[in-house]
Structure formats: structure tokens, C-alpha cells
N, C-alpha and C. Protein backbone atom coordinates (compact mmCIF):
# COMPACT_ATOMS: atom_id res chain seq x y z
N UNK A 1 0.49 -1.14 0.04
CA UNK A 1 -0.05 0.34 0.26
C UNK A 1 1.28 1.81 0.06
N UNK A 2 2.19 1.54 0.90
CA UNK A 2 2.74 2.51 0.88
C UNK A 2 3.54 2.61 -0.99
N UNK A 3 3.83 1.41 -1.05
CA UNK A 3 3.97 2.17 -2.63
C UNK A 3 3.15 2.54 -2.95
N UNK A 4 1.95 2.32 -3.37
CA UNK A 4 0.62 2.44 -4.19
C UNK A 4 0.18 4.41 -3.94
N UNK A 5 0.60 4.19 -2.49
CA UNK A 5 0.23 5.84 -2.14
C UNK A 5 1.17 6.45 -2.77
N UNK A 6 2.42 6.24 -2.75
CA UNK A 6 3.69 7.03 -2.51
C UNK A 6 2.95 7.86 -4.27
N UNK A 7 3.03 6.79 -5.31
CA UNK A 7 2.96 7.15 -6.70
C UNK A 7 1.68 7.58 -6.86
N UNK A 8 0.42 7.38 -6.28
CA UNK A 8 -0.81 8.56 -6.47
C UNK A 8 -0.59 9.06 -5.68
N UNK A 9 -0.09 9.54 -4.21
CA UNK A 9 0.55 11.22 -4.30
C UNK A 9 0.90 11.79 -4.98
N UNK A 10 2.51 10.97 -5.43
CA UNK A 10 3.30 12.26 -6.21
C UNK A 10 2.38 12.64 -7.47
N UNK A 11 2.08 11.22 -8.20
CA UNK A 11 1.54 11.88 -9.31
C UNK A 11 -0.09 11.64 -10.02
N UNK A 12 -0.49 12.05 -9.23
CA UNK A 12 -2.22 12.20 -8.90
C UNK A 12 -2.92 10.46 -9.49
N UNK A 13 -3.41 10.44 -9.14
CA UNK A 13 -4.57 9.24 -10.17
C UNK A 13 -4.01 9.30 -12.02
N UNK A 14 -4.18 10.27 -12.12
CA UNK A 14 -4.72 10.17 -13.88
C UNK A 14 -3.31 10.03 -13.90
N UNK A 15 -1.84 10.07 -13.65
CA UNK A 15 -0.92 10.15 -14.33
C UNK A 15 0.26 8.81 -13.94
N UNK A 16 -0.56 7.85 -12.82
CA UNK A 16 -0.34 6.84 -11.94
C UNK A 16 -0.04 6.00 -12.85
N UNK A 17 0.59 4.78 -13.24
CA UNK A 17 0.17 3.30 -13.88
C UNK A 17 0.60 2.38 -13.34
N UNK A 18 0.22 1.41 -13.49
CA UNK A 18 0.51 0.03 -12.50
C UNK A 18 1.87 0.09 -12.54
N UNK A 19 2.32 0.34 -14.30
CA UNK A 19 3.83 0.27 -13.79
C UNK A 19 5.02 0.75 -12.93
N UNK A 20 4.43 1.98 -12.67
CA UNK A 20 5.04 2.98 -11.32
C UNK A 20 5.20 2.30 -10.22
N UNK A 21 3.59 1.79 -9.40
CA UNK A 21 3.86 0.89 -8.99
C UNK A 21 3.93 0.02 -8.45
N UNK A 22 4.53 -1.44 -9.37
CA UNK A 22 5.47 -2.43 -9.88
C UNK A 22 6.67 -1.70 -9.10
N UNK A 23 7.04 -1.01 -9.73
CA UNK A 23 8.76 -0.21 -9.99
C UNK A 23 9.11 0.26 -7.92
N UNK A 24 8.08 0.64 -7.94
CA UNK A 24 8.41 1.45 -6.51
C UNK A 24 8.04 0.52 -5.20
N UNK A 25 7.19 -0.71 -5.91
CA UNK A 25 7.13 -1.36 -4.69
C UNK A 25 8.42 -3.05 -5.20
N UNK A 26 8.45 -2.75 -6.30
CA UNK A 26 10.02 -3.63 -6.30
C UNK A 26 9.31 -4.95 -6.66
N UNK A 27 7.96 -5.12 -7.18
CA UNK A 27 7.62 -6.21 -7.41
C UNK A 27 6.99 -6.25 -9.39
N UNK A 28 7.32 -7.38 -9.33
CA UNK A 28 6.67 -7.88 -11.06
C UNK A 28 4.90 -6.67 -10.87
N UNK A 29 4.47 -6.21 -12.35
CA UNK A 29 3.13 -5.31 -12.29
C UNK A 29 2.39 -6.96 -12.27
N UNK A 30 2.51 -8.09 -13.06
CA UNK A 30 1.27 -8.75 -12.90
C UNK A 30 1.56 -9.37 -11.51
N UNK A 31 2.20 -8.99 -9.95
CA UNK A 31 2.23 -9.59 -9.36
C UNK A 31 0.77 -8.77 -8.83
N UNK A 32 0.99 -7.77 -8.19
CA UNK A 32 -0.31 -6.66 -8.62
C UNK A 32 -1.10 -6.54 -8.66
N UNK A 33 -1.29 -7.60 -9.54
CA UNK A 33 -3.23 -8.21 -10.96
C UNK A 33 -3.16 -9.49 -10.18
N UNK A 34 -3.45 -9.82 -9.21
CA UNK A 34 -3.40 -10.91 -8.38
C UNK A 34 -3.81 -11.02 -7.35
N UNK A 35 -3.87 -9.53 -6.84
CA UNK A 35 -4.58 -8.83 -5.81
C UNK A 35 -5.17 -8.12 -6.17
N UNK A 36 -5.21 -7.03 -6.92
CA UNK A 36 -5.96 -5.64 -7.52
C UNK A 36 -6.08 -5.85 -9.00
N UNK A 37 -7.22 -6.04 -8.73
CA UNK A 37 -8.04 -5.90 -10.33
C UNK A 37 -7.96 -4.08 -11.41
N UNK A 38 -7.18 -3.36 -11.41
CA UNK A 38 -7.52 -2.65 -11.34
C UNK A 38 -6.16 -1.12 -11.35
N UNK A 39 -6.18 0.20 -11.20
CA UNK A 39 -5.90 0.78 -10.86
C UNK A 39 -6.20 1.87 -9.84
N UNK A 40 -7.63 1.60 -10.30
CA UNK A 40 -9.01 2.10 -9.66
C UNK A 40 -8.76 1.84 -8.51
N UNK A 41 -9.01 0.27 -8.17
CA UNK A 41 -9.13 -0.86 -7.34
C UNK A 41 -7.78 -0.75 -5.79
N UNK A 42 -6.11 -0.72 -6.67
CA UNK A 42 -5.44 -0.41 -5.96
C UNK A 42 -5.30 0.39 -4.99
N UNK A 43 -6.22 1.72 -5.70
CA UNK A 43 -6.24 3.60 -5.25
C UNK A 43 -7.53 3.26 -4.21
N UNK A 44 -7.95 3.08 -4.59
CA UNK A 44 -9.36 2.89 -3.28
C UNK A 44 -8.83 1.65 -2.62
N UNK A 45 -8.27 1.54 -2.26
CA UNK A 45 -7.29 -0.10 -0.92
C UNK A 45 -6.93 0.64 -0.38
N UNK A 46 -5.65 2.08 -1.50
CA UNK A 46 -4.22 2.45 -0.58
C UNK A 46 -5.35 3.21 0.37
N UNK A 47 -6.50 4.42 -0.25
CA UNK A 47 -6.74 5.42 -0.15
C UNK A 47 -7.46 4.48 1.69
N UNK A 48 -8.70 3.49 1.47
CA UNK A 48 -8.96 2.71 2.85
C UNK A 48 -8.01 3.30 4.39
N UNK A 49 -6.97 1.86 3.44
CA UNK A 49 -6.42 1.79 4.38
C UNK A 49 -5.80 2.93 5.02
N UNK A 50 -5.36 3.58 4.65
CA UNK A 50 -4.45 5.00 5.19
C UNK A 50 -6.02 6.03 5.53
N UNK A 51 -7.01 5.77 5.22
CA UNK A 51 -7.78 6.85 6.00
C UNK A 51 -8.75 5.46 7.30
N UNK A 52 -8.13 4.56 7.34
CA UNK A 52 -8.35 3.31 8.64
C UNK A 52 -7.84 3.49 9.43
N UNK A 53 -6.37 3.69 9.49
CA UNK A 53 -5.11 4.09 9.85
C UNK A 53 -5.47 5.92 11.01
N UNK A 54 -5.72 6.60 9.67
CA UNK A 54 -6.04 7.69 10.62
C UNK A 54 -7.62 7.88 11.69
N UNK A 55 -8.34 7.36 11.04
CA UNK A 55 -9.49 6.65 12.20
C UNK A 55 -8.95 6.48 13.47
N UNK A 56 -8.16 5.37 13.29
CA UNK A 56 -8.03 4.61 13.81
C UNK A 56 -7.02 5.69 15.33
N UNK A 57 -5.85 5.86 15.34
CA UNK A 57 -4.81 6.96 15.55
C UNK A 57 -5.53 8.39 16.01
N UNK A 58 -6.80 8.59 15.51
CA UNK A 58 -7.51 9.69 16.46
C UNK A 58 -8.21 9.24 17.17
N UNK A 59 -8.78 8.26 16.68
CA UNK A 59 -9.82 7.68 18.04
C UNK A 59 -9.09 7.68 19.37
N UNK A 60 -8.31 6.75 19.00
CA UNK A 60 -7.23 6.47 20.14
C UNK A 60 -6.64 7.65 20.86
N UNK A 61 -6.35 8.72 19.76
CA UNK A 61 -5.57 9.88 20.64
C UNK A 61 -6.09 10.58 21.50
N UNK A 62 -7.81 10.66 20.20
CA UNK A 62 -8.87 11.70 21.39
C UNK A 62 -9.45 10.99 22.72
N UNK A 63 -9.73 9.60 22.17
CA UNK A 63 -9.82 9.02 23.42
C UNK A 63 -9.39 9.10 24.48
N UNK A 64 -7.67 8.90 24.40
CA UNK A 64 -6.55 9.32 25.53
C UNK A 64 -7.33 10.75 26.60
N UNK A 65 -7.91 11.00 25.79
CA UNK A 65 -7.73 12.63 26.49
C UNK A 65 -8.00 13.40 28.00
N UNK A 66 -8.03 14.52 27.97
CA UNK A 66 -8.12 13.76 30.11
C UNK A 66 -9.24 15.10 29.22
N UNK A 67 -9.88 15.94 28.65
CA UNK A 67 -10.44 16.88 28.66
C UNK A 67 -10.56 17.16 27.24
N UNK A 68 -12.14 17.84 27.06
CA UNK A 68 -12.44 18.58 26.01
C UNK A 68 -11.44 19.13 25.70
N UNK A 69 -10.85 20.15 25.97
CA UNK A 69 -9.40 21.39 25.06
C UNK A 69 -8.21 20.30 24.82
N UNK A 70 -8.52 19.30 25.19
CA UNK A 70 -7.12 17.23 25.61
C UNK A 70 -7.59 17.51 24.52
N UNK A 71 -8.80 16.89 24.03
CA UNK A 71 -9.42 16.26 22.68
C UNK A 71 -9.24 16.79 21.30
N UNK A 72 -9.58 18.26 21.53
CA UNK A 72 -9.63 19.13 20.11
C UNK A 72 -8.02 19.43 20.01
N UNK A 73 -6.70 19.59 20.86
CA UNK A 73 -5.66 19.24 20.53
C UNK A 73 -5.86 17.82 19.86
N UNK A 74 -6.20 17.50 20.76
CA UNK A 74 -5.19 15.35 20.21
C UNK A 74 -5.76 15.69 18.35
N UNK A 75 -7.21 16.29 19.01
CA UNK A 75 -7.42 15.67 17.43
C UNK A 75 -6.56 16.24 16.33
N UNK A 76 -6.74 17.81 16.58
CA UNK A 76 -5.50 18.57 15.21
C UNK A 76 -4.20 18.15 15.88
N UNK A 77 -3.36 17.46 17.01
CA UNK A 77 -2.23 17.37 16.18
C UNK A 77 -2.10 16.47 15.46
N UNK A 78 -2.91 14.80 15.70
CA UNK A 78 -3.02 14.16 15.08
C UNK A 78 -3.30 14.06 14.18
N UNK A 79 -3.59 14.75 13.44
CA UNK A 79 -3.76 14.49 11.79
C UNK A 79 -2.95 16.14 10.94
N UNK A 80 -2.61 16.80 11.96
CA UNK A 80 -1.12 17.16 11.41
C UNK A 80 -0.28 16.41 11.56
N UNK A 81 0.02 16.30 12.59
CA UNK A 81 1.58 14.33 12.39
C UNK A 81 1.19 13.84 11.18
N UNK A 82 0.13 13.05 11.08
CA UNK A 82 -0.61 11.87 10.22
C UNK A 82 -0.03 12.64 8.56
N UNK A 83 -0.27 13.75 8.78
CA UNK A 83 -0.09 13.83 7.08
C UNK A 83 0.81 14.43 6.76
N UNK A 84 1.98 15.19 8.07
CA UNK A 84 3.28 15.52 7.49
C UNK A 84 4.13 14.05 7.33
N UNK A 85 3.63 13.45 8.15
CA UNK A 85 4.72 11.75 8.37
C UNK A 85 3.29 11.26 6.79
N UNK A 86 2.84 11.37 6.42
CA UNK A 86 2.02 11.18 4.89
C UNK A 86 1.85 11.99 4.11
N UNK A 87 2.67 13.21 3.01
CA UNK A 87 2.44 14.56 2.54
C UNK A 87 1.31 13.35 1.46
N UNK A 88 2.67 12.45 0.22
CA UNK A 88 1.76 11.90 -0.31
C UNK A 88 0.32 11.35 0.01
N UNK A 89 -0.35 11.37 1.06
CA UNK A 89 -1.96 10.89 1.29
C UNK A 89 -2.23 11.80 1.27
N UNK A 90 -1.32 13.05 1.60
CA UNK A 90 -2.89 14.31 1.49
C UNK A 90 -2.73 14.41 0.16
N UNK A 91 -2.17 14.65 -0.39
CA UNK A 91 -2.76 15.39 -2.07
C UNK A 91 -3.65 14.14 -2.51
N UNK A 92 -4.25 12.54 -1.99
CA UNK A 92 -4.53 11.74 -2.66
C UNK A 92 -6.31 12.25 -1.41
N UNK A 93 -5.87 12.41 -0.37
CA UNK A 93 -7.01 12.73 0.50
C UNK A 93 -8.20 14.23 -0.42
N UNK A 94 -7.33 15.12 -0.59
CA UNK A 94 -7.61 16.45 -1.07
C UNK A 94 -7.80 15.75 -2.83
N UNK A 95 -7.47 15.29 -3.08
CA UNK A 95 -8.20 14.85 -4.66
C UNK A 95 -9.08 13.84 -4.50
N UNK A 96 -8.90 13.10 -3.34
CA UNK A 96 -10.74 11.94 -3.21
C UNK A 96 -12.05 12.97 -2.82
N UNK A 97 -10.86 14.25 -2.22
CA UNK A 97 -12.32 14.95 -1.47
C UNK A 97 -12.99 16.02 -2.25
N UNK A 98 -12.07 16.30 -3.15
CA UNK A 98 -12.27 17.37 -4.61
C UNK A 98 -13.36 16.40 -5.26
N UNK A 99 -13.26 15.48 -5.56
CA UNK A 99 -13.89 15.07 -6.91
C UNK A 99 -14.85 13.97 -6.22
N UNK A 100 -15.68 14.47 -5.20
CA UNK A 100 -16.23 13.70 -4.54
C UNK A 100 -17.74 14.85 -4.87
N UNK A 101 -17.80 15.80 -5.70
CA UNK A 101 -18.50 16.64 -5.98
C UNK A 101 -18.84 15.83 -7.34
N UNK A 102 -18.40 15.35 -7.80
CA UNK A 102 -18.94 15.03 -9.07
C UNK A 102 -18.95 13.22 -9.51
N UNK A 103 -18.65 12.85 -7.79
CA UNK A 103 -18.89 11.50 -8.02
C UNK A 103 -20.35 10.69 -8.26
N UNK A 104 -20.40 9.41 -8.07
CA UNK A 104 -21.77 9.17 -7.91
C UNK A 104 -22.27 8.83 -6.96
N UNK A 105 -23.00 8.87 -6.48
CA UNK A 105 -23.98 8.77 -5.02
C UNK A 105 -23.44 7.69 -3.89
N UNK A 106 -23.21 6.38 -4.54
CA UNK A 106 -22.50 5.64 -3.91
C UNK A 106 -21.06 5.81 -3.37
N UNK A 107 -20.32 6.79 -4.83
CA UNK A 107 -18.67 6.95 -4.32
C UNK A 107 -18.56 7.53 -3.06
N UNK A 108 -19.51 8.62 -3.50
CA UNK A 108 -19.91 10.11 -2.13
C UNK A 108 -20.11 9.09 -0.96
N UNK A 109 -20.77 7.95 -1.35
CA UNK A 109 -21.41 7.80 0.29
C UNK A 109 -20.19 7.30 0.88
N UNK A 110 -19.58 6.72 0.38
CA UNK A 110 -18.50 5.66 0.49
C UNK A 110 -17.38 6.54 1.21
N UNK A 111 -17.20 7.71 0.53
CA UNK A 111 -16.18 9.05 1.29
C UNK A 111 -16.55 9.47 1.88
N UNK A 112 -17.59 9.87 2.28
CA UNK A 112 -18.18 10.55 3.27
C UNK A 112 -17.97 9.92 4.92
N UNK A 113 -18.43 8.28 4.68
CA UNK A 113 -18.74 7.66 5.62
C UNK A 113 -17.33 7.26 6.48
N UNK A 114 -16.45 7.06 5.54
CA UNK A 114 -15.19 7.31 5.78
C UNK A 114 -14.12 8.85 6.80
N UNK A 115 -15.28 9.76 6.34
CA UNK A 115 -15.13 11.23 7.30
C UNK A 115 -15.66 11.16 8.15
N UNK A 116 -16.77 10.86 7.60
CA UNK A 116 -18.10 10.61 9.11
C UNK A 116 -17.64 10.35 10.13
N UNK A 117 -16.60 8.99 10.14
CA UNK A 117 -16.55 7.92 11.42
C UNK A 117 -15.12 8.67 12.54
N UNK A 118 -14.89 9.20 11.20
CA UNK A 118 -13.11 10.51 11.95
C UNK A 118 -13.49 11.45 12.65
N UNK A 119 -15.11 12.46 12.20
CA UNK A 119 -16.07 13.41 13.09
C UNK A 119 -16.89 12.84 14.04
N UNK A 120 -17.22 11.73 13.80
CA UNK A 120 -17.83 11.29 14.96
C UNK A 120 -17.08 10.60 16.11
N UNK A 121 -15.46 10.65 16.35
CA UNK A 121 -14.48 10.61 17.57
C UNK A 121 -15.19 11.78 18.41
N UNK A 122 -14.63 12.70 17.50
CA UNK A 122 -14.85 14.57 17.77
C UNK A 122 -16.07 14.80 18.84
N UNK A 123 -17.01 14.93 17.80
CA UNK A 123 -18.78 14.85 18.20
C UNK A 123 -18.87 14.09 19.58
N UNK A 124 -19.12 13.05 19.11
CA UNK A 124 -19.15 11.73 20.58
C UNK A 124 -18.26 12.56 21.86
N UNK A 125 -17.02 13.15 21.46
CA UNK A 125 -16.50 13.96 23.05
C UNK A 125 -17.75 15.22 23.23
N UNK A 126 -17.99 16.11 22.15
CA UNK A 126 -18.68 17.66 22.21
C UNK A 126 -19.85 17.04 22.75
N UNK A 127 -20.38 15.74 22.37
CA UNK A 127 -21.64 15.71 22.80
C UNK A 127 -21.55 15.47 24.22
N UNK A 128 -21.40 14.38 25.07
CA UNK A 128 -20.67 14.36 26.59
C UNK A 128 -20.48 15.78 27.24
N UNK A 129 -19.97 16.40 26.36
CA UNK A 129 -18.75 17.65 27.44
C UNK A 129 -20.53 18.79 27.37
N UNK A 130 -21.24 19.36 26.45
CA UNK A 130 -22.63 19.94 25.82
C UNK A 130 -23.44 19.32 27.10
N UNK A 131 -23.53 17.29 27.56
CA UNK A 131 -24.31 17.01 28.57
C UNK A 131 -24.13 17.14 29.87
N UNK A 132 -22.06 16.92 30.86
CA UNK A 132 -22.18 17.43 31.61
C UNK A 132 -21.91 18.98 31.90
N UNK A 133 -22.26 19.33 30.61
CA UNK A 133 -22.17 21.08 31.14
C UNK A 133 -20.70 21.57 30.92
N UNK A 134 -19.72 20.61 30.69
CA UNK A 134 -17.99 21.25 30.54
C UNK A 134 -18.23 22.06 29.13
N UNK A 135 -19.10 22.16 28.21
CA UNK A 135 -18.90 22.73 26.97
C UNK A 135 -20.36 23.58 26.95
N UNK A 136 -20.26 24.52 26.29
CA UNK A 136 -21.24 25.38 26.02
C UNK A 136 -22.13 24.56 25.07
N UNK A 137 -24.14 25.48 24.63
CA UNK A 137 -24.97 24.34 23.96
C UNK A 137 -24.64 24.65 22.93
N UNK A 138 -24.25 23.57 22.21
CA UNK A 138 -23.87 23.95 20.35
C UNK A 138 -24.27 22.57 20.10
N UNK A 139 -24.41 22.03 18.55
CA UNK A 139 -24.56 21.15 17.80
C UNK A 139 -23.28 20.70 18.03
N UNK A 140 -23.34 19.58 18.75
CA UNK A 140 -22.19 18.83 18.60
C UNK A 140 -21.83 18.13 17.00
N UNK A 141 -22.03 18.35 16.22
CA UNK A 141 -21.86 17.59 14.79
C UNK A 141 -21.76 18.63 14.38
N UNK A 142 -22.22 19.70 14.27
CA UNK A 142 -22.16 20.35 13.67
C UNK A 142 -20.17 21.28 13.75
N UNK A 143 -20.51 21.26 15.81
CA UNK A 143 -18.89 21.58 16.09
C UNK A 143 -17.52 20.36 15.46
N UNK A 144 -18.04 19.67 15.56
CA UNK A 144 -17.03 18.47 14.46
C UNK A 144 -16.69 18.80 13.94
N UNK A 145 -18.21 19.26 12.70
CA UNK A 145 -17.32 19.65 11.22
C UNK A 145 -16.91 20.60 10.85
N UNK A 146 -16.95 21.84 12.19
CA UNK A 146 -15.76 23.13 12.04
C UNK A 146 -14.40 22.71 12.22
N UNK A 147 -14.94 21.91 13.54
CA UNK A 147 -12.81 21.36 14.28
C UNK A 147 -12.28 20.53 12.78
N UNK A 148 -12.91 19.96 12.09
CA UNK A 148 -12.72 19.32 11.09
C UNK A 148 -11.68 20.15 9.99
N UNK A 149 -12.98 20.62 9.17
CA UNK A 149 -12.46 21.42 8.73
C UNK A 149 -11.34 22.65 8.85
N UNK A 150 -11.36 23.38 10.23
CA UNK A 150 -10.36 24.06 10.13
C UNK A 150 -8.65 23.44 10.42
N UNK A 151 -9.17 22.23 10.97
CA UNK A 151 -7.88 21.25 11.03
C UNK A 151 -7.88 20.58 9.43
N UNK A 152 -8.00 21.02 9.00
CA UNK A 152 -7.57 20.36 6.95
C UNK A 152 -7.01 21.65 6.03
N UNK A 153 -7.55 22.82 7.06
CA UNK A 153 -6.96 23.99 6.40
C UNK A 153 -5.34 24.08 7.02
N UNK A 154 -5.91 23.55 8.41
CA UNK A 154 -4.29 24.08 9.15
C UNK A 154 -3.18 23.65 8.67
N UNK A 155 -3.37 21.93 7.73
CA UNK A 155 -2.67 20.93 7.35
C UNK A 155 -2.00 21.16 6.10
N UNK A 156 -3.42 21.79 5.02
CA UNK A 156 -2.89 22.25 4.94
C UNK A 156 -1.54 23.35 4.40
N UNK A 157 -2.14 24.66 5.21
CA UNK A 157 -0.87 25.20 5.08
C UNK A 157 -0.08 24.58 5.80
N UNK A 158 -0.01 24.14 6.77
CA UNK A 158 1.36 23.19 7.27
C UNK A 158 1.71 23.05 5.64
N UNK A 159 1.55 21.83 4.89
CA UNK A 159 1.92 21.36 4.16
C UNK A 159 2.44 21.89 2.93
N UNK A 160 2.08 23.37 2.67
CA UNK A 160 2.54 24.44 1.05
C UNK A 160 3.00 24.93 2.03
N UNK A 161 3.14 25.47 3.25
CA UNK A 161 4.38 26.58 3.45
C UNK A 161 6.02 26.41 2.59
N UNK A 162 6.40 27.03 2.54
CA UNK A 162 7.30 26.94 2.12
C UNK A 162 8.22 27.17 3.10
N UNK A 163 8.16 27.44 4.19
CA UNK A 163 9.18 27.91 5.75
C UNK A 163 8.81 27.23 6.69
N UNK A 164 9.27 26.48 7.15
CA UNK A 164 8.96 25.57 8.54
C UNK A 164 8.58 26.34 9.70
N UNK A 165 7.15 25.74 9.68
CA UNK A 165 6.35 26.39 11.04
C UNK A 165 6.28 26.01 12.02
N UNK A 166 5.94 26.10 13.08
CA UNK A 166 5.81 25.20 14.41
C UNK A 166 4.95 25.05 14.75
N UNK A 167 4.36 23.38 13.58
CA UNK A 167 3.50 22.96 13.82
C UNK A 167 2.76 22.60 15.49
N UNK A 168 3.77 22.70 16.58
CA UNK A 168 3.09 22.74 17.89
C UNK A 168 2.42 23.98 18.24
N UNK A 169 3.40 24.99 17.44
CA UNK A 169 2.18 25.86 18.03
C UNK A 169 1.21 26.32 17.12
N UNK A 170 1.15 26.25 16.60
CA UNK A 170 -0.25 26.46 15.07
C UNK A 170 -1.21 25.28 15.73
N UNK A 171 -1.16 23.78 15.82
CA UNK A 171 -1.94 23.63 17.12
C UNK A 171 -2.25 24.19 18.19
N UNK A 172 -1.36 24.41 18.96
CA UNK A 172 -2.07 24.96 20.50
C UNK A 172 -3.04 26.42 20.10
N UNK A 173 -2.25 27.56 18.86
CA UNK A 173 -3.50 28.47 18.61
C UNK A 173 -4.32 27.82 18.22
N UNK A 174 -4.67 27.24 17.40
CA UNK A 174 -6.20 26.66 16.65
C UNK A 174 -6.65 26.33 17.86
N UNK A 175 -5.89 25.09 18.40
CA UNK A 175 -7.05 25.15 19.46
C UNK A 175 -7.36 25.81 20.45
N UNK A 176 -7.05 27.29 21.16
CA UNK A 176 -7.36 27.49 22.25
C UNK A 176 -8.23 28.54 21.21
N UNK A 177 -7.96 28.59 19.93
CA UNK A 177 -9.34 29.54 18.76
C UNK A 177 -10.63 28.70 19.24
N UNK A 178 -10.73 27.28 18.75
CA UNK A 178 -11.76 26.59 19.18
C UNK A 178 -12.31 26.88 20.59
N UNK A 179 -11.40 26.49 21.55
CA UNK A 179 -12.04 26.13 22.88
C UNK A 179 -12.69 27.60 23.17
N UNK A 180 -12.19 28.31 22.92
CA UNK A 180 -12.30 29.94 22.96
C UNK A 180 -14.28 29.98 23.01
N UNK A 181 -14.76 29.54 21.36
CA UNK A 181 -15.56 29.40 20.88
C UNK A 181 -16.79 28.42 21.79
N UNK A 182 -16.06 27.08 22.37
CA UNK A 182 -17.14 26.38 22.80
C UNK A 182 -16.49 26.39 24.21
N UNK A 183 -16.40 26.76 25.60
CA UNK A 183 -15.76 26.45 26.34
C UNK A 183 -17.22 27.42 27.61
N UNK A 184 -17.64 26.59 28.02
CA UNK A 184 -18.64 27.88 29.22
C UNK A 184 -18.87 28.48 29.31
N UNK A 185 -20.02 29.63 29.22
CA UNK A 185 -19.82 30.77 29.15
C UNK A 185 -19.53 31.17 30.84
N UNK A 186 -18.88 32.17 31.00
CA UNK A 186 -18.41 31.80 32.32
C UNK A 186 -19.74 32.61 33.35
N UNK A 187 -20.42 32.22 34.89
CA UNK A 187 -21.70 32.39 35.46
C UNK A 187 -21.27 33.98 36.35
N UNK A 188 -22.14 35.20 35.98
CA UNK A 188 -21.72 35.95 37.18
C UNK A 188 -22.12 35.94 38.37
N UNK A 189 -20.96 35.97 39.31
CA UNK A 189 -21.87 35.99 40.70
C UNK A 189 -22.47 37.27 40.92
N UNK A 190 -23.94 36.49 41.82
CA UNK A 190 -24.64 37.56 42.43
C UNK A 190 -23.94 37.79 43.82
N UNK A 191 -25.05 38.99 44.68
CA UNK A 191 -24.54 39.14 45.75
C UNK A 191 -25.37 39.24 46.72
């Protein structure tokens, strides 16, 4: 999968070839066809594999967080780190999301499900926090989507930056901005 991810990520789907994937994997092209019937099939397998890995690490890190603010930071940091370590996959990820506009309903539904499971992790944290009062009353699903979108923008900026940014600083900044909008309002003390 890593070889396919690298080829698709560096060349894009249209310019990637089974020959290039075989060369990258250091196997005969026929070997690839034993496992995958087409370029589309290996692309989908590589995409799903990385999405599953991202979902798992996101779930682990967010679940291990001690507070809502820590969960937000874990979500953002996990995604920034994951895509920094897999820059080739980020291109696949962005291409896949962009292609969803013109995709068939079935294909859109499959991608939406993969993305939805990742957002669900944060939505569950937000729903519990709203219920127990550690977060202001807000639609947990809408808040999770907003954090998801902000994070995707941060990742894109980090990966496209010419200068080396400090990801930890950016994660903290984004987390603080998000938390400022989600934390419960201070109660006024009455005398």
C-alpha cells in the first residue's frame, strides 16, 4: 500500500500507472494484478487503508485525552502529524474530497462514511461535554465538522508552507481559538 500511496500521491490518479506502482514496490506488475484488478482498485484500497489508520490513531488519541480542550488538541495534532508523515496521502485525500462533487452517489457515500467516522470521534466528546456542562450548548455534529474543516485548512497550510512553521505552536493556537468558542460561559456572581 505504501508504494501505491507514494505513486498516487506524487503523480495523481490520472498520471499514476501500474508499472510505476510495481517499480516502487519492487515487484512485477503481474504480481499487483494478482491482488488488485485495476488501478482504481489499488487506489481505493490504498485510500481506505490510510483512512482506517487515521481513524484508529485519531480515536486512540482523542479517547486518551483528559479534557475537552485536550481532545480538541489531540484531534488537531493527530491529523497534522499524520499528514506531515504521509504527505503523499494528503494529495490523495484532497483529490478524493474534491472529486466527490462529481462522484456517483454510491462513491460519495463511501467517502462520506470514512470522513464521518473520523468526525464522530470528536462529536461524541462534544456531545458528552454539552451534556455534562463542560462545553456550552452547541450542536456537537456542527462543532465537530467545523473543527474538522479548520484542521484540514491548517494541515494544508503546514504542508504548503515554504518556511518551516512550528506545528506545535499552530496546533496550540487553533486549539485555543476553538476552545474559546466552545467553553462554557462564565457565570456571573451575584451578591
